């Protein structure tokens, strides 16, 4: 009798398991299929990204070859094309390279425009936007008016990596505008700034001495 009851219990458990399997197996298989599809999709996406990165690297090298061949304006166009079509890390580097090669080709206005485009692009990290602002002002110092220079440089915040450089150039812009006292104030704060690079502090101190000393 005990063996009979055990066999009946076993049969009942087997039937329950079969019913549960029939009920839940489609869901289980669906989850497994979804997971497999996700893994396959990621692998396809990853391979696609790798292929795009390789293509971007090749295009970057091709643009550099134009630089080495002494064709900076052709290189600038190649870098501009790469920046517009690539969404990997090469795009931002290509934009700065475009500006550098425009400068090399004596197209200062075009270089400043390229840097301004980076500075205005909210998709670009703040430190690179600040760098673009500084470079635009630096390379445009002789062609931009003082108000334009001050506007660009004042947009670089105090906590930026390029703050000290921007203050130095802003002081020179103040001098260009004839605002000697404003320049002295900027140079005084820069000279006293322990966080500023030593070479910048040294230049600020030397220029202050030529302008009559620091502001008390």
C-alpha atoms as a PDB file:
ATOM      1  CA  UNK A   1       0.000   0.000   0.000  1.00  0.00           C
ATOM      2  CA  UNK A   2       2.835   2.392   0.873  1.00  0.00           C
ATOM      3  CA  UNK A   3       4.490   1.722  -2.482  1.00  0.00           C
ATOM      4  CA  UNK A   4       1.185   2.284  -4.263  1.00  0.00           C
ATOM      5  CA  UNK A   5       0.596   5.628  -2.527  1.00  0.00           C
ATOM      6  CA  UNK A   6       4.151   6.706  -3.371  1.00  0.00           C
ATOM      7  CA  UNK A   7       3.637   5.850  -7.040  1.00  0.00           C
ATOM      8  CA  UNK A   8       0.364   7.803  -7.075  1.00  0.00           C
ATOM      9  CA  UNK A   9       2.051  10.820  -5.503  1.00  0.00           C
ATOM     10  CA  UNK A  10       4.841  10.592  -8.032  1.00  0.00           C
ATOM     11  CA  UNK A  11       2.325  10.474 -10.883  1.00  0.00           C
ATOM     12  CA  UNK A  12       0.463  13.455  -9.478  1.00  0.00           C
ATOM     13  CA  UNK A  13       3.699  15.438  -9.193  1.00  0.00           C
ATOM     14  CA  UNK A  14       4.638  14.465 -12.730  1.00  0.00           C
ATOM     15  CA  UNK A  15       1.281  15.681 -14.060  1.00  0.00           C
ATOM     16  CA  UNK A  16       1.611  18.948 -12.160  1.00  0.00           C
ATOM     17  CA  UNK A  17       5.095  19.483 -13.547  1.00  0.00           C
ATOM     18  CA  UNK A  18       3.861  18.814 -17.059  1.00  0.00           C
ATOM     19  CA  UNK A  19       1.018  21.296 -16.616  1.00  0.00           C
ATOM     20  CA  UNK A  20       3.398  23.926 -15.199  1.00  0.00           C
ATOM     21  CA  UNK A  21       5.840  23.326 -18.029  1.00  0.00           C
ATOM     22  CA  UNK A  22       3.102  23.730 -20.636  1.00  0.00           C
ATOM     23  CA  UNK A  23       1.920  26.922 -18.945  1.00  0.00           C
ATOM     24  CA  UNK A  24       5.274  28.587 -18.410  1.00  0.00           C
ATOM     25  CA  UNK A  25       7.493  27.168 -21.138  1.00  0.00           C
ATOM     26  CA  UNK A  26       6.466  29.765 -23.759  1.00  0.00           C
ATOM     27  CA  UNK A  27       7.432  32.532 -21.342  1.00  0.00           C
ATOM     28  CA  UNK A  28      10.711  30.860 -20.429  1.00  0.00           C
ATOM     29  CA  UNK A  29      11.565  30.297 -24.073  1.00  0.00           C
ATOM     30  CA  UNK A  30      10.579  33.897 -24.811  1.00  0.00           C
ATOM     31  CA  UNK A  31      12.953  35.207 -22.158  1.00  0.00           C
ATOM     32  CA  UNK A  32      15.772  32.993 -23.431  1.00  0.00           C
ATOM     33  CA  UNK A  33      15.165  34.093 -27.004  1.00  0.00           C
ATOM     34  CA  UNK A  34      15.092  37.761 -25.913  1.00  0.00           C
ATOM     35  CA  UNK A  35      18.390  37.331 -24.068  1.00  0.00           C
ATOM     36  CA  UNK A  36      19.989  35.638 -27.038  1.00  0.00           C
ATOM     37  CA  UNK A  37      18.669  38.339 -29.348  1.00  0.00           C
ATOM     38  CA  UNK A  38      20.050  40.998 -27.016  1.00  0.00           C
ATOM     39  CA  UNK A  39      23.486  39.380 -26.976  1.00  0.00           C
ATOM     40  CA  UNK A  40      23.456  39.011 -30.744  1.00  0.00           C
ATOM     41  CA  UNK A  41      22.259  42.590 -31.161  1.00  0.00           C
ATOM     42  CA  UNK A  42      25.015  43.916 -28.924  1.00  0.00           C
ATOM     43  CA  UNK A  43      27.609  41.918 -30.825  1.00  0.00           C
ATOM     44  CA  UNK A  44      26.343  43.297 -34.144  1.00  0.00           C
ATOM     45  CA  UNK A  45      26.334  46.845 -32.717  1.00  0.00           C
ATOM     46  CA  UNK A  46      29.820  46.369 -31.253  1.00  0.00           C
ATOM     47  CA  UNK A  47      31.175  45.063 -34.564  1.00  0.00           C
ATOM     48  CA  UNK A  48      29.546  47.973 -36.372  1.00  0.00           C
ATOM     49  CA  UNK A  49      31.152  50.441 -33.974  1.00  0.00           C
ATOM     50  CA  UNK A  50      34.522  48.782 -34.418  1.00  0.00           C
ATOM     51  CA  UNK A  51      34.184  48.979 -38.189  1.00  0.00           C
ATOM     52  CA  UNK A  52      33.210  52.659 -38.012  1.00  0.00           C
ATOM     53  CA  UNK A  53      36.110  53.395 -35.673  1.00  0.00           C
ATOM     54  CA  UNK A  54      38.506  51.654 -38.043  1.00  0.00           C
ATOM     55  CA  UNK A  55      37.109  53.628 -40.986  1.00  0.00           C
ATOM     56  CA  UNK A  56      37.433  56.878 -39.008  1.00  0.00           C
ATOM     57  CA  UNK A  57      41.031  56.052 -38.094  1.00  0.00           C
ATOM     58  CA  UNK A  58      41.810  55.396 -41.741  1.00  0.00           C
ATOM     59  CA  UNK A  59      40.202  58.693 -42.789  1.00  0.00           C
ATOM     60  CA  UNK A  60      42.134  60.523 -40.072  1.00  0.00           C
ATOM     61  CA  UNK A  61      45.410  59.047 -41.300  1.00  0.00           C
ATOM     62  CA  UNK A  62      44.531  60.031 -44.864  1.00  0.00           C
ATOM     63  CA  UNK A  63      43.937  63.621 -43.743  1.00  0.00           C
ATOM     64  CA  UNK A  64      47.249  63.639 -41.867  1.00  0.00           C
ATOM     65  CA  UNK A  65      49.010  62.515 -45.019  1.00  0.00           C
ATOM     66  CA  UNK A  66      47.801  65.724 -46.686  1.00  0.00           C
ATOM     67  CA  UNK A  67      49.387  67.682 -43.834  1.00  0.00           C
ATOM     68  CA  UNK A  68      52.673  65.864 -44.364  1.00  0.00           C
ATOM     69  CA  UNK A  69      52.414  66.575 -48.077  1.00  0.00           C
ATOM     70  CA  UNK A  70      52.285  70.308 -47.348  1.00  0.00           C
ATOM     71  CA  UNK A  71      48.601  70.753 -48.272  1.00  0.00           C
ATOM     72  CA  UNK A  72      47.070  72.218 -45.102  1.00  0.00           C
ATOM     73  CA  UNK A  73      43.877  73.518 -46.701  1.00  0.00           C
ATOM     74  CA  UNK A  74      43.199  70.152 -48.340  1.00  0.00           C
ATOM     75  CA  UNK A  75      43.847  68.549 -44.965  1.00  0.00           C
ATOM     76  CA  UNK A  76      41.453  70.980 -43.291  1.00  0.00           C
ATOM     77  CA  UNK A  77      38.698  69.990 -45.705  1.00  0.00           C
ATOM     78  CA  UNK A  78      39.382  66.296 -45.097  1.00  0.00           C
ATOM     79  CA  UNK A  79      39.220  66.806 -41.331  1.00  0.00           C
ATOM     80  CA  UNK A  80      35.989  68.796 -41.705  1.00  0.00           C
ATOM     81  CA  UNK A  81      34.420  65.979 -43.736  1.00  0.00           C
ATOM     82  CA  UNK A  82      35.489  63.440 -41.113  1.00  0.00           C
ATOM     83  CA  UNK A  83      34.040  65.554 -38.295  1.00  0.00           C
ATOM     84  CA  UNK A  84      30.672  65.682 -40.054  1.00  0.00           C
ATOM     85  CA  UNK A  85      30.406  61.966 -40.751  1.00  0.00           C
ATOM     86  CA  UNK A  86      32.051  60.385 -37.707  1.00  0.00           C
ATOM     87  CA  UNK A  87      30.404  59.942 -34.302  1.00  0.00           C
ATOM     88  CA  UNK A  88      33.390  58.403 -32.528  1.00  0.00           C
ATOM     89  CA  UNK A  89      36.220  60.081 -30.633  1.00  0.00           C
ATOM     90  CA  UNK A  90      37.870  61.117 -33.891  1.00  0.00           C
ATOM     91  CA  UNK A  91      35.204  63.720 -34.654  1.00  0.00           C
ATOM     92  CA  UNK A  92      36.224  66.243 -32.000  1.00  0.00           C
ATOM     93  CA  UNK A  93      39.920  65.771 -32.680  1.00  0.00           C
ATOM     94  CA  UNK A  94      39.230  66.273 -36.379  1.00  0.00           C
ATOM     95  CA  UNK A  95      37.516  69.602 -35.642  1.00  0.00           C
ATOM     96  CA  UNK A  96      40.555  70.911 -33.783  1.00  0.00           C
ATOM     97  CA  UNK A  97      42.814  69.570 -36.525  1.00  0.00           C
ATOM     98  CA  UNK A  98      40.670  71.359 -39.087  1.00  0.00           C
ATOM     99  CA  UNK A  99      41.213  74.663 -37.288  1.00  0.00           C
ATOM    100  CA  UNK A 100      44.949  74.018 -36.929  1.00  0.00           C
ATOM    101  CA  UNK A 101      45.328  73.351 -40.635  1.00  0.00           C
ATOM    102  CA  UNK A 102      43.267  76.382 -41.584  1.00  0.00           C
ATOM    103  CA  UNK A 103      45.690  78.424 -39.513  1.00  0.00           C
ATOM    104  CA  UNK A 104      48.583  76.711 -41.258  1.00  0.00           C
ATOM    105  CA  UNK A 105      46.996  77.656 -44.575  1.00  0.00           C
ATOM    106  CA  UNK A 106      46.678  81.319 -43.444  1.00  0.00           C
ATOM    107  CA  UNK A 107      42.874  81.133 -43.250  1.00  0.00           C
ATOM    108  CA  UNK A 108      42.593  82.691 -39.794  1.00  0.00           C
ATOM    109  CA  UNK A 109      38.960  83.675 -40.252  1.00  0.00           C
ATOM    110  CA  UNK A 110      38.023  80.122 -41.208  1.00  0.00           C
ATOM    111  CA  UNK A 111      39.959  78.718 -38.251  1.00  0.00           C
ATOM    112  CA  UNK A 112      38.186  81.030 -35.812  1.00  0.00           C
ATOM    113  CA  UNK A 113      34.830  80.035 -37.291  1.00  0.00           C
ATOM    114  CA  UNK A 114      35.687  76.355 -36.850  1.00  0.00           C
ATOM    115  CA  UNK A 115      36.690  76.949 -33.219  1.00  0.00           C
ATOM    116  CA  UNK A 116      33.571  79.028 -32.596  1.00  0.00           C
ATOM    117  CA  UNK A 117      31.484  76.107 -33.858  1.00  0.00           C
ATOM    118  CA  UNK A 118      33.105  73.816 -31.281  1.00  0.00           C
ATOM    119  CA  UNK A 119      32.604  76.390 -28.513  1.00  0.00           C
ATOM    120  CA  UNK A 120      28.905  76.680 -29.370  1.00  0.00           C
ATOM    121  CA  UNK A 121      28.285  72.929 -29.527  1.00  0.00           C
ATOM    122  CA  UNK A 122      26.541  71.830 -26.318  1.00  0.00           C
ATOM    123  CA  UNK A 123      27.266  68.196 -27.162  1.00  0.00           C
ATOM    124  CA  UNK A 124      30.981  68.865 -26.613  1.00  0.00           C
ATOM    125  CA  UNK A 125      32.422  68.594 -23.078  1.00  0.00           C
ATOM    126  CA  UNK A 126      32.868  71.959 -21.344  1.00  0.00           C
ATOM    127  CA  UNK A 127      36.667  71.714 -21.110  1.00  0.00           C
ATOM    128  CA  UNK A 128      36.961  71.393 -24.883  1.00  0.00           C
ATOM    129  CA  UNK A 129      34.494  74.196 -25.502  1.00  0.00           C
ATOM    130  CA  UNK A 130      36.558  76.432 -23.207  1.00  0.00           C
ATOM    131  CA  UNK A 131      39.711  75.421 -25.062  1.00  0.00           C
ATOM    132  CA  UNK A 132      38.067  76.338 -28.369  1.00  0.00           C
ATOM    133  CA  UNK A 133      37.107  79.761 -26.973  1.00  0.00           C
ATOM    134  CA  UNK A 134      40.641  80.376 -25.778  1.00  0.00           C
ATOM    135  CA  UNK A 135      42.242  79.271 -29.047  1.00  0.00           C
ATOM    136  CA  UNK A 136      39.837  81.419 -31.081  1.00  0.00           C
ATOM    137  CA  UNK A 137      40.778  84.461 -29.006  1.00  0.00           C
ATOM    138  CA  UNK A 138      44.492  83.626 -29.034  1.00  0.00           C
ATOM    139  CA  UNK A 139      44.726  83.167 -32.784  1.00  0.00           C
ATOM    140  CA  UNK A 140      42.332  86.020 -33.467  1.00  0.00           C
ATOM    141  CA  UNK A 141      44.052  88.484 -31.147  1.00  0.00           C
ATOM    142  CA  UNK A 142      45.406  90.604 -33.998  1.00  0.00           C
ATOM    143  CA  UNK A 143      42.226  90.529 -36.092  1.00  0.00           C
ATOM    144  CA  UNK A 144      39.383  90.647 -33.555  1.00  0.00           C
ATOM    145  CA  UNK A 145      38.506  93.860 -31.750  1.00  0.00           C
ATOM    146  CA  UNK A 146      39.010  94.154 -28.004  1.00  0.00           C
ATOM    147  CA  UNK A 147      35.303  93.848 -27.174  1.00  0.00           C
ATOM    148  CA  UNK A 148      35.022  90.605 -29.128  1.00  0.00           C
ATOM    149  CA  UNK A 149      38.124  89.214 -27.451  1.00  0.00           C
ATOM    150  CA  UNK A 150      36.852  90.106 -23.980  1.00  0.00           C
ATOM    151  CA  UNK A 151      33.462  88.574 -24.691  1.00  0.00           C
ATOM    152  CA  UNK A 152      35.005  85.257 -25.736  1.00  0.00           C
ATOM    153  CA  UNK A 153      37.477  85.091 -22.866  1.00  0.00           C
ATOM    154  CA  UNK A 154      34.992  86.165 -20.209  1.00  0.00           C
ATOM    155  CA  UNK A 155      32.846  83.169 -21.164  1.00  0.00           C
ATOM    156  CA  UNK A 156      35.544  80.835 -19.782  1.00  0.00           C
ATOM    157  CA  UNK A 157      34.589  80.175 -16.121  1.00  0.00           C
ATOM    158  CA  UNK A 158      36.960  80.461 -13.185  1.00  0.00           C
ATOM    159  CA  UNK A 159      36.941  76.707 -12.581  1.00  0.00           C
ATOM    160  CA  UNK A 160      37.942  75.898 -16.148  1.00  0.00           C
ATOM    161  CA  UNK A 161      41.233  74.207 -16.946  1.00  0.00           C
ATOM    162  CA  UNK A 162      41.985  77.171 -19.194  1.00  0.00           C
ATOM    163  CA  UNK A 163      41.018  79.897 -16.718  1.00  0.00           C
ATOM    164  CA  UNK A 164      44.559  81.107 -16.028  1.00  0.00           C
ATOM    165  CA  UNK A 165      45.415  81.252 -19.734  1.00  0.00           C
ATOM    166  CA  UNK A 166      42.181  83.098 -20.411  1.00  0.00           C
ATOM    167  CA  UNK A 167      42.899  85.692 -17.699  1.00  0.00           C
ATOM    168  CA  UNK A 168      46.352  86.346 -19.102  1.00  0.00           C
ATOM    169  CA  UNK A 169      44.980  86.895 -22.597  1.00  0.00           C
ATOM    170  CA  UNK A 170      42.075  88.928 -21.209  1.00  0.00           C
ATOM    171  CA  UNK A 171      44.590  91.247 -19.529  1.00  0.00           C
ATOM    172  CA  UNK A 172      46.283  91.745 -22.903  1.00  0.00           C
ATOM    173  CA  UNK A 173      42.871  92.425 -24.459  1.00  0.00           C
ATOM    174  CA  UNK A 174      42.281  95.095 -21.813  1.00  0.00           C
ATOM    175  CA  UNK A 175      45.616  96.647 -22.730  1.00  0.00           C
ATOM    176  CA  UNK A 176      44.601  96.522 -26.387  1.00  0.00           C
ATOM    177  CA  UNK A 177      41.465  98.436 -25.447  1.00  0.00           C
ATOM    178  CA  UNK A 178      43.515 100.986 -23.484  1.00  0.00           C
ATOM    179  CA  UNK A 179      42.219  99.769 -20.114  1.00  0.00           C
ATOM    180  CA  UNK A 180      45.534  99.623 -18.263  1.00  0.00           C
ATOM    181  CA  UNK A 181      44.068  99.526 -14.750  1.00  0.00           C
ATOM    182  CA  UNK A 182      41.732  96.655 -15.651  1.00  0.00           C
ATOM    183  CA  UNK A 183      44.722  94.810 -17.088  1.00  0.00           C
ATOM    184  CA  UNK A 184      46.737  95.432 -13.912  1.00  0.00           C
ATOM    185  CA  UNK A 185      43.922  94.060 -11.742  1.00  0.00           C
ATOM    186  CA  UNK A 186      43.738  90.882 -13.793  1.00  0.00           C
ATOM    187  CA  UNK A 187      47.491  90.432 -13.788  1.00  0.00           C
ATOM    188  CA  UNK A 188      47.645  91.022 -10.040  1.00  0.00           C
ATOM    189  CA  UNK A 189      45.139  88.278  -9.316  1.00  0.00           C
ATOM    190  CA  UNK A 190      46.917  85.978 -11.739  1.00  0.00           C
ATOM    191  CA  UNK A 191      50.311  86.686 -10.210  1.00  0.00           C
ATOM    192  CA  UNK A 192      48.938  85.913  -6.740  1.00  0.00           C
ATOM    193  CA  UNK A 193      47.042  82.784  -7.792  1.00  0.00           C
ATOM    194  CA  UNK A 194      48.848  79.791  -6.280  1.00  0.00           C
ATOM    195  CA  UNK A 195      46.795  77.447  -8.470  1.00  0.00           C
ATOM    196  CA  UNK A 196      47.940  79.064 -11.725  1.00  0.00           C
ATOM    197  CA  UNK A 197      50.872  77.540 -13.630  1.00  0.00           C
ATOM    198  CA  UNK A 198      54.243  78.932 -12.580  1.00  0.00           C
ATOM    199  CA  UNK A 199      55.122  80.181 -16.056  1.00  0.00           C
ATOM    200  CA  UNK A 200      51.871  82.174 -16.284  1.00  0.00           C
ATOM    201  CA  UNK A 201      52.417  83.705 -12.867  1.00  0.00           C
ATOM    202  CA  UNK A 202      55.945  84.649 -13.888  1.00  0.00           C
ATOM    203  CA  UNK A 203      54.782  86.365 -17.073  1.00  0.00           C
ATOM    204  CA  UNK A 204      52.055  88.193 -15.152  1.00  0.00           C
ATOM    205  CA  UNK A 205      54.613  89.458 -12.619  1.00  0.00           C
ATOM    206  CA  UNK A 206      56.960  90.681 -15.366  1.00  0.00           C
ATOM    207  CA  UNK A 207      54.180  92.469 -17.229  1.00  0.00           C
ATOM    208  CA  UNK A 208      52.937  94.043 -13.990  1.00  0.00           C
ATOM    209  CA  UNK A 209      56.412  95.421 -13.349  1.00  0.00           C
ATOM    210  CA  UNK A 210      56.368  97.034 -16.787  1.00  0.00           C
ATOM    211  CA  UNK A 211      52.949  98.543 -16.089  1.00  0.00           C
ATOM    212  CA  UNK A 212      53.873 100.056 -12.747  1.00  0.00           C
ATOM    213  CA  UNK A 213      53.495  97.165 -10.354  1.00  0.00           C
ATOM    214  CA  UNK A 214      50.568  95.241  -8.870  1.00  0.00           C
ATOM    215  CA  UNK A 215      47.333  96.875  -7.752  1.00  0.00           C
ATOM    216  CA  UNK A 216      47.363  97.421  -3.984  1.00  0.00           C
END
